[in-house]
Structure formats: C-alpha cells, structure tokens
C-alpha cells in the first residue's frame, strides 16, 4: 500500500530529473554560438538534440508523476471505503490522511512540472528558433 514519491529521496530524484530544465539557459549559452562563431558549431543539430532531450525528460517526468497520482488516488479511495466501514479506527484515519496529503503533493508536483516545462520551452524557442524548427508545435 506504499505510494510512490512519498519519501524525500524519491522527491530528490524528481528534482535531479529536472536538472536539464534548470540548466537550459546555461546549456543554450554554451551550445548556441554568437554570430562570430556561427560557422564553427552546427546549431541546428545541437538544438535538435536539446529538443529531443527536453521532450524525453518532460514525458518521463510527467508519466512518473501521473502514475503516482493514479496510485495514490486509488489508495485514497480504498482507504475511504475501509474508513466508512470502520469509523472508529484511528489508525485507518491516519493512513487516509497521510495518503491524501501525498496525493495533494503529487498534484502540486504536476503543477510545478507544467511551470518548469513552459519556462524551458520558452527559453528553447527564444534561442533555437533560427536554428531548428520542430515538426510538432511546442
């Protein structure tokens, strides 16, 4: 009956997975050449690789968070049903409250994910728009 991403090390893993987004400005400053160095680096290939990396990172994080939300939501529903059958069980109430808190945490992580992704795509578009046009819109 354990939920995912409820331990601090699991949340730290999610933060580590967000490093590509945290470092995007530095990454783009490093890989996208100024006009004087434009001939030395293939910016279109570099932007394509970054695009692919961002897309994959965003998809895997979203999948992990949504999986946790689904697991936690199912657990909350199951605990609610058990609680309704045994209203005097304080242990059950504590487990239900803990799982509800975990569900809210996962839902807020999904909101954080949306903000992080939006910021990254905005920076990507600003710096790569002249070098790479993805086939799908961002």
N, C-alpha and C. Protein backbone atom coordinates (compact mmCIF):
# COMPACT_ATOMS: atom_id res chain seq x y z
N UNK A 1 0.83 -1.20 0.00
CA UNK A 1 0.00 0.00 0.00
C UNK A 1 0.87 1.26 0.00
N UNK A 2 2.09 1.12 -0.43
CA UNK A 2 3.01 2.26 -0.41
C UNK A 2 2.83 3.10 -1.67
N UNK A 3 2.87 4.40 -1.50
CA UNK A 3 2.75 5.30 -2.65
C UNK A 3 4.13 5.69 -3.14
N UNK A 4 4.22 6.01 -4.41
CA UNK A 4 5.50 6.43 -4.95
C UNK A 4 5.73 7.92 -4.65
N UNK A 5 6.96 8.29 -4.70
CA UNK A 5 7.40 9.68 -4.48
C UNK A 5 6.95 10.26 -3.14
N UNK A 6 6.81 9.43 -2.13
CA UNK A 6 6.44 9.98 -0.83
C UNK A 6 7.64 10.16 0.07
N UNK A 7 8.76 9.55 -0.28
CA UNK A 7 9.97 9.71 0.52
C UNK A 7 10.81 10.85 -0.03
N UNK A 8 11.60 11.46 0.84
CA UNK A 8 12.40 12.61 0.40
C UNK A 8 13.37 12.23 -0.71
N UNK A 9 13.93 11.02 -0.68
CA UNK A 9 14.87 10.63 -1.73
C UNK A 9 14.17 10.46 -3.08
N UNK A 10 12.92 10.08 -3.06
CA UNK A 10 12.17 9.97 -4.31
C UNK A 10 11.88 11.35 -4.89
N UNK A 11 11.55 12.30 -4.02
CA UNK A 11 11.32 13.67 -4.48
C UNK A 11 12.63 14.28 -4.97
N UNK A 12 13.75 13.93 -4.31
CA UNK A 12 15.05 14.40 -4.77
C UNK A 12 15.35 13.86 -6.16
N UNK A 13 14.96 12.61 -6.42
CA UNK A 13 15.17 12.03 -7.74
C UNK A 13 14.41 12.82 -8.80
N UNK A 14 13.20 13.25 -8.46
CA UNK A 14 12.42 14.06 -9.39
C UNK A 14 13.14 15.39 -9.65
N UNK A 15 13.69 15.98 -8.63
CA UNK A 15 14.44 17.24 -8.80
C UNK A 15 15.67 17.04 -9.68
N UNK A 16 16.35 15.90 -9.49
CA UNK A 16 17.50 15.58 -10.33
C UNK A 16 17.06 15.44 -11.79
N UNK A 17 15.89 14.83 -11.99
CA UNK A 17 15.36 14.67 -13.35
C UNK A 17 15.06 16.03 -13.98
N UNK A 18 14.89 17.07 -13.17
CA UNK A 18 14.59 18.40 -13.69
C UNK A 18 15.85 19.21 -13.98
N UNK A 19 17.02 18.64 -13.77
CA UNK A 19 18.25 19.40 -13.99
C UNK A 19 18.40 19.92 -15.41
N UNK A 20 17.95 19.16 -16.39
CA UNK A 20 18.04 19.64 -17.77
C UNK A 20 17.29 20.96 -17.92
N UNK A 21 16.16 21.09 -17.24
CA UNK A 21 15.39 22.33 -17.30
C UNK A 21 16.05 23.44 -16.49
N UNK A 22 16.60 23.08 -15.35
CA UNK A 22 17.26 24.08 -14.51
C UNK A 22 18.48 24.69 -15.20
N UNK A 23 19.11 23.91 -16.06
CA UNK A 23 20.37 24.35 -16.69
C UNK A 23 20.20 24.78 -18.14
N UNK A 24 18.97 24.95 -18.58
CA UNK A 24 18.76 25.20 -20.02
C UNK A 24 19.39 26.50 -20.49
N UNK A 25 19.31 27.55 -19.70
CA UNK A 25 19.90 28.83 -20.13
C UNK A 25 21.40 28.69 -20.30
N UNK A 26 22.04 28.09 -19.31
CA UNK A 26 23.49 27.87 -19.40
C UNK A 26 23.82 26.98 -20.61
N UNK A 27 23.05 25.92 -20.76
CA UNK A 27 23.26 24.98 -21.86
C UNK A 27 23.16 25.71 -23.21
N UNK A 28 22.12 26.51 -23.38
CA UNK A 28 21.94 27.22 -24.65
C UNK A 28 23.03 28.28 -24.87
N UNK A 29 23.43 28.95 -23.80
CA UNK A 29 24.51 29.92 -23.93
C UNK A 29 25.81 29.23 -24.35
N UNK A 30 25.99 28.01 -23.91
CA UNK A 30 27.19 27.26 -24.21
C UNK A 30 27.16 26.69 -25.63
N UNK A 31 26.00 26.21 -26.06
CA UNK A 31 25.95 25.48 -27.33
C UNK A 31 25.53 26.31 -28.54
N UNK A 32 24.83 27.40 -28.32
CA UNK A 32 24.40 28.21 -29.46
C UNK A 32 25.43 29.33 -29.64
N UNK A 33 26.08 29.34 -30.78
CA UNK A 33 27.16 30.29 -30.99
C UNK A 33 26.65 31.72 -31.24
N UNK A 34 27.51 32.65 -30.88
CA UNK A 34 27.24 34.03 -31.26
C UNK A 34 27.53 34.13 -32.76
N UNK A 35 27.16 35.25 -33.36
CA UNK A 35 27.33 35.41 -34.81
C UNK A 35 28.78 35.18 -35.25
N UNK A 36 29.75 35.62 -34.44
CA UNK A 36 31.15 35.50 -34.84
C UNK A 36 31.64 34.04 -34.84
N UNK A 37 30.97 33.16 -34.10
CA UNK A 37 31.37 31.76 -34.06
C UNK A 37 30.38 30.84 -34.79
N UNK A 38 29.44 31.43 -35.50
CA UNK A 38 28.35 30.66 -36.11
C UNK A 38 28.84 29.55 -37.03
N UNK A 39 29.92 29.71 -37.72
CA UNK A 39 30.39 28.70 -38.65
C UNK A 39 31.05 27.51 -37.99
N UNK A 40 31.44 27.63 -36.73
CA UNK A 40 32.20 26.57 -36.06
C UNK A 40 31.33 25.49 -35.41
N UNK A 41 30.06 25.79 -35.18
CA UNK A 41 29.18 24.85 -34.49
C UNK A 41 27.90 24.67 -35.30
N UNK A 42 27.41 23.44 -35.38
CA UNK A 42 26.15 23.17 -36.06
C UNK A 42 25.01 23.39 -35.07
N UNK A 43 24.52 24.61 -35.00
CA UNK A 43 23.49 24.95 -34.02
C UNK A 43 22.19 24.21 -34.28
N UNK A 44 21.87 23.92 -35.54
CA UNK A 44 20.61 23.22 -35.81
C UNK A 44 20.63 21.81 -35.22
N UNK A 45 21.74 21.12 -35.37
CA UNK A 45 21.87 19.78 -34.81
C UNK A 45 21.85 19.84 -33.27
N UNK A 46 22.52 20.80 -32.72
CA UNK A 46 22.57 20.97 -31.27
C UNK A 46 21.19 21.27 -30.71
N UNK A 47 20.46 22.15 -31.37
CA UNK A 47 19.10 22.48 -30.92
C UNK A 47 18.18 21.27 -31.05
N UNK A 48 18.35 20.50 -32.12
CA UNK A 48 17.53 19.29 -32.30
C UNK A 48 17.79 18.32 -31.16
N UNK A 49 19.05 18.11 -30.81
CA UNK A 49 19.39 17.19 -29.72
C UNK A 49 18.81 17.69 -28.39
N UNK A 50 18.90 18.98 -28.16
CA UNK A 50 18.34 19.54 -26.93
C UNK A 50 16.82 19.39 -26.92
N UNK A 51 16.20 19.64 -28.06
CA UNK A 51 14.75 19.47 -28.18
C UNK A 51 14.35 18.03 -27.84
N UNK A 52 15.05 17.07 -28.43
CA UNK A 52 14.75 15.67 -28.17
C UNK A 52 14.95 15.32 -26.69
N UNK A 53 16.01 15.84 -26.10
CA UNK A 53 16.29 15.58 -24.68
C UNK A 53 15.22 16.18 -23.78
N UNK A 54 14.83 17.41 -24.07
CA UNK A 54 13.78 18.06 -23.28
C UNK A 54 12.47 17.29 -23.39
N UNK A 55 12.12 16.94 -24.62
CA UNK A 55 10.85 16.23 -24.84
C UNK A 55 10.82 14.91 -24.07
N UNK A 56 11.92 14.17 -24.14
CA UNK A 56 12.00 12.88 -23.45
C UNK A 56 11.96 13.08 -21.93
N UNK A 57 12.68 14.06 -21.42
CA UNK A 57 12.72 14.32 -19.98
C UNK A 57 11.33 14.73 -19.47
N UNK A 58 10.68 15.61 -20.20
CA UNK A 58 9.34 16.06 -19.80
C UNK A 58 8.35 14.90 -19.80
N UNK A 59 8.40 14.07 -20.83
CA UNK A 59 7.47 12.94 -20.93
C UNK A 59 7.69 11.94 -19.80
N UNK A 60 8.94 11.63 -19.50
CA UNK A 60 9.20 10.63 -18.46
C UNK A 60 8.82 11.15 -17.08
N UNK A 61 9.07 12.43 -16.82
CA UNK A 61 8.68 13.00 -15.52
C UNK A 61 7.17 13.05 -15.38
N UNK A 62 6.49 13.49 -16.44
CA UNK A 62 5.03 13.57 -16.39
C UNK A 62 4.43 12.18 -16.16
N UNK A 63 4.97 11.19 -16.85
CA UNK A 63 4.47 9.82 -16.70
C UNK A 63 4.66 9.35 -15.26
N UNK A 64 5.83 9.60 -14.69
CA UNK A 64 6.12 9.17 -13.31
C UNK A 64 5.16 9.84 -12.32
N UNK A 65 4.96 11.13 -12.49
CA UNK A 65 4.08 11.87 -11.57
C UNK A 65 2.63 11.39 -11.71
N UNK A 66 2.17 11.23 -12.95
CA UNK A 66 0.78 10.80 -13.17
C UNK A 66 0.56 9.37 -12.67
N UNK A 67 1.56 8.52 -12.80
CA UNK A 67 1.47 7.17 -12.26
C UNK A 67 1.29 7.23 -10.74
N UNK A 68 2.07 8.09 -10.11
CA UNK A 68 1.96 8.25 -8.65
C UNK A 68 0.60 8.82 -8.25
N UNK A 69 0.11 9.77 -9.02
CA UNK A 69 -1.21 10.34 -8.72
C UNK A 69 -2.28 9.25 -8.81
N UNK A 70 -2.21 8.43 -9.85
CA UNK A 70 -3.19 7.35 -10.02
C UNK A 70 -3.11 6.34 -8.88
N UNK A 71 -1.89 5.96 -8.51
CA UNK A 71 -1.72 5.01 -7.40
C UNK A 71 -2.24 5.60 -6.09
N UNK A 72 -1.89 6.83 -5.84
CA UNK A 72 -2.29 7.49 -4.59
C UNK A 72 -3.81 7.69 -4.55
N UNK A 73 -4.39 8.07 -5.67
CA UNK A 73 -5.83 8.27 -5.75
C UNK A 73 -6.58 6.96 -5.48
N UNK A 74 -6.09 5.88 -6.06
CA UNK A 74 -6.70 4.56 -5.82
C UNK A 74 -6.60 4.19 -4.35
N UNK A 75 -5.45 4.47 -3.77
CA UNK A 75 -5.24 4.15 -2.36
C UNK A 75 -6.16 4.98 -1.46
N UNK A 76 -6.33 6.26 -1.79
CA UNK A 76 -7.25 7.12 -1.03
C UNK A 76 -8.67 6.57 -1.11
N UNK A 77 -9.10 6.19 -2.29
CA UNK A 77 -10.45 5.65 -2.46
C UNK A 77 -10.65 4.37 -1.66
N UNK A 78 -9.65 3.49 -1.70
CA UNK A 78 -9.73 2.24 -0.97
C UNK A 78 -9.77 2.50 0.55
N UNK A 79 -8.91 3.40 1.01
CA UNK A 79 -8.88 3.73 2.44
C UNK A 79 -10.19 4.39 2.89
N UNK A 80 -10.77 5.21 2.01
CA UNK A 80 -12.06 5.83 2.33
C UNK A 80 -13.15 4.78 2.53
N UNK A 81 -13.16 3.81 1.63
CA UNK A 81 -14.14 2.73 1.74
C UNK A 81 -13.96 1.96 3.05
N UNK A 82 -12.71 1.65 3.37
CA UNK A 82 -12.42 0.95 4.62
C UNK A 82 -12.84 1.81 5.82
N UNK A 83 -12.54 3.07 5.74
CA UNK A 83 -12.87 4.01 6.83
C UNK A 83 -14.39 4.09 7.03
N UNK A 84 -15.13 4.11 5.96
CA UNK A 84 -16.60 4.17 6.06
C UNK A 84 -17.18 2.94 6.75
N UNK A 85 -16.48 1.82 6.66
CA UNK A 85 -16.93 0.59 7.31
C UNK A 85 -16.52 0.53 8.78
N UNK A 86 -15.48 1.32 9.12
CA UNK A 86 -14.93 1.26 10.48
C UNK A 86 -14.56 2.67 10.94
N UNK A 87 -15.56 3.46 11.25
CA UNK A 87 -15.37 4.88 11.58
C UNK A 87 -14.55 5.12 12.85
N UNK A 88 -14.44 4.12 13.73
CA UNK A 88 -13.72 4.30 14.99
C UNK A 88 -12.23 3.96 14.89
N UNK A 89 -11.80 3.49 13.72
CA UNK A 89 -10.42 3.06 13.55
C UNK A 89 -9.51 4.27 13.29
N UNK A 90 -8.78 4.69 14.33
CA UNK A 90 -7.91 5.88 14.20
C UNK A 90 -6.69 5.61 13.34
N UNK A 91 -6.20 4.39 13.36
CA UNK A 91 -5.05 4.04 12.52
C UNK A 91 -5.41 4.19 11.05
N UNK A 92 -6.60 3.75 10.72
CA UNK A 92 -7.09 3.88 9.35
C UNK A 92 -7.25 5.35 8.96
N UNK A 93 -7.76 6.15 9.89
CA UNK A 93 -7.90 7.58 9.64
C UNK A 93 -6.54 8.23 9.38
N UNK A 94 -5.54 7.86 10.17
CA UNK A 94 -4.19 8.42 9.98
C UNK A 94 -3.61 8.02 8.63
N UNK A 95 -3.82 6.76 8.25
CA UNK A 95 -3.33 6.30 6.94
C UNK A 95 -4.02 7.05 5.82
N UNK A 96 -5.34 7.27 5.97
CA UNK A 96 -6.10 8.01 4.96
C UNK A 96 -5.58 9.44 4.84
N UNK A 97 -5.40 10.10 5.96
CA UNK A 97 -4.90 11.49 5.94
C UNK A 97 -3.50 11.57 5.30
N UNK A 98 -2.66 10.61 5.64
CA UNK A 98 -1.30 10.60 5.08
C UNK A 98 -1.36 10.42 3.55
N UNK A 99 -2.22 9.52 3.11
CA UNK A 99 -2.34 9.28 1.67
C UNK A 99 -2.96 10.49 0.95
N UNK A 100 -3.91 11.15 1.59
CA UNK A 100 -4.49 12.36 1.00
C UNK A 100 -3.45 13.46 0.87
N UNK A 101 -2.60 13.58 1.86
CA UNK A 101 -1.52 14.57 1.81
C UNK A 101 -0.56 14.24 0.67
N UNK A 102 -0.24 12.96 0.53
CA UNK A 102 0.64 12.53 -0.54
C UNK A 102 0.02 12.82 -1.91
N UNK A 103 -1.28 12.59 -2.04
CA UNK A 103 -1.98 12.87 -3.30
C UNK A 103 -1.90 14.36 -3.63
N UNK A 104 -2.13 15.20 -2.65
CA UNK A 104 -2.03 16.66 -2.88
C UNK A 104 -0.62 17.06 -3.28
N UNK A 105 0.37 16.43 -2.66
CA UNK A 105 1.77 16.71 -3.01
C UNK A 105 2.04 16.35 -4.47
N UNK A 106 1.56 15.19 -4.90
CA UNK A 106 1.77 14.77 -6.29
C UNK A 106 1.04 15.69 -7.27
N UNK A 107 -0.15 16.12 -6.90
CA UNK A 107 -0.89 17.05 -7.77
C UNK A 107 -0.15 18.38 -7.87
N UNK A 108 0.45 18.82 -6.77
CA UNK A 108 1.20 20.08 -6.84
C UNK A 108 2.48 19.89 -7.65
N UNK A 109 3.09 18.69 -7.60
CA UNK A 109 4.26 18.41 -8.42
C UNK A 109 3.91 18.48 -9.91
N UNK A 110 2.72 18.06 -10.26
CA UNK A 110 2.29 18.15 -11.65
C UNK A 110 2.18 19.61 -12.08
N UNK A 111 1.71 20.48 -11.17
CA UNK A 111 1.66 21.92 -11.47
C UNK A 111 3.06 22.50 -11.61
N UNK A 112 3.97 22.08 -10.73
CA UNK A 112 5.37 22.53 -10.82
C UNK A 112 5.95 22.10 -12.16
N UNK A 113 5.64 20.89 -12.55
CA UNK A 113 6.14 20.34 -13.81
C UNK A 113 5.69 21.21 -14.99
N UNK A 114 4.45 21.62 -14.97
CA UNK A 114 3.93 22.46 -16.05
C UNK A 114 4.68 23.80 -16.13
N UNK A 115 4.94 24.41 -14.99
CA UNK A 115 5.66 25.68 -14.95
C UNK A 115 7.10 25.50 -15.45
N UNK A 116 7.77 24.44 -14.98
CA UNK A 116 9.15 24.16 -15.39
C UNK A 116 9.21 23.93 -16.90
N UNK A 117 8.28 23.13 -17.42
CA UNK A 117 8.28 22.83 -18.86
C UNK A 117 8.02 24.08 -19.69
N UNK A 118 7.05 24.89 -19.28
CA UNK A 118 6.74 26.12 -20.02
C UNK A 118 7.95 27.03 -20.09
N UNK A 119 8.63 27.18 -18.96
CA UNK A 119 9.82 28.04 -18.91
C UNK A 119 10.90 27.51 -19.86
N UNK A 120 11.12 26.21 -19.83
CA UNK A 120 12.16 25.62 -20.67
C UNK A 120 11.85 25.79 -22.15
N UNK A 121 10.59 25.55 -22.54
CA UNK A 121 10.22 25.69 -23.95
C UNK A 121 10.32 27.15 -24.40
N UNK A 122 10.00 28.07 -23.51
CA UNK A 122 10.11 29.49 -23.85
C UNK A 122 11.57 29.85 -24.15
N UNK A 123 12.46 29.42 -23.28
CA UNK A 123 13.90 29.69 -23.48
C UNK A 123 14.39 28.99 -24.74
N UNK A 124 13.97 27.75 -24.92
CA UNK A 124 14.38 26.99 -26.11
C UNK A 124 13.97 27.73 -27.38
N UNK A 125 12.69 28.16 -27.43
CA UNK A 125 12.20 28.87 -28.62
C UNK A 125 12.97 30.16 -28.88
N UNK A 126 13.25 30.90 -27.80
CA UNK A 126 13.99 32.16 -27.96
C UNK A 126 15.36 31.94 -28.57
N UNK A 127 16.05 30.91 -28.12
CA UNK A 127 17.42 30.70 -28.56
C UNK A 127 17.57 29.83 -29.81
N UNK A 128 16.63 28.93 -30.04
CA UNK A 128 16.79 27.97 -31.15
C UNK A 128 15.89 28.24 -32.34
N UNK A 129 15.03 29.25 -32.25
CA UNK A 129 14.05 29.45 -33.32
C UNK A 129 14.68 29.65 -34.70
N UNK A 130 15.88 30.22 -34.76
CA UNK A 130 16.54 30.43 -36.06
C UNK A 130 17.36 29.22 -36.51
N UNK A 131 17.49 28.24 -35.63
CA UNK A 131 18.37 27.10 -35.93
C UNK A 131 17.63 25.78 -36.12
N UNK A 132 16.47 25.63 -35.46
CA UNK A 132 15.76 24.35 -35.53
C UNK A 132 14.26 24.58 -35.35
N UNK A 133 13.48 24.00 -36.26
CA UNK A 133 12.03 24.07 -36.17
C UNK A 133 11.50 22.65 -35.96
N UNK A 134 10.99 22.36 -34.76
CA UNK A 134 10.45 21.02 -34.53
C UNK A 134 9.23 20.76 -35.41
N UNK A 135 9.02 19.50 -35.74
CA UNK A 135 7.88 19.17 -36.60
C UNK A 135 6.55 19.35 -35.90
N UNK A 136 6.55 19.24 -34.56
CA UNK A 136 5.31 19.48 -33.78
C UNK A 136 5.46 20.79 -33.05
N UNK A 137 4.34 21.46 -32.82
CA UNK A 137 4.40 22.74 -32.14
C UNK A 137 4.62 22.54 -30.65
N UNK A 138 5.27 23.49 -30.03
CA UNK A 138 5.56 23.40 -28.60
C UNK A 138 4.42 23.96 -27.78
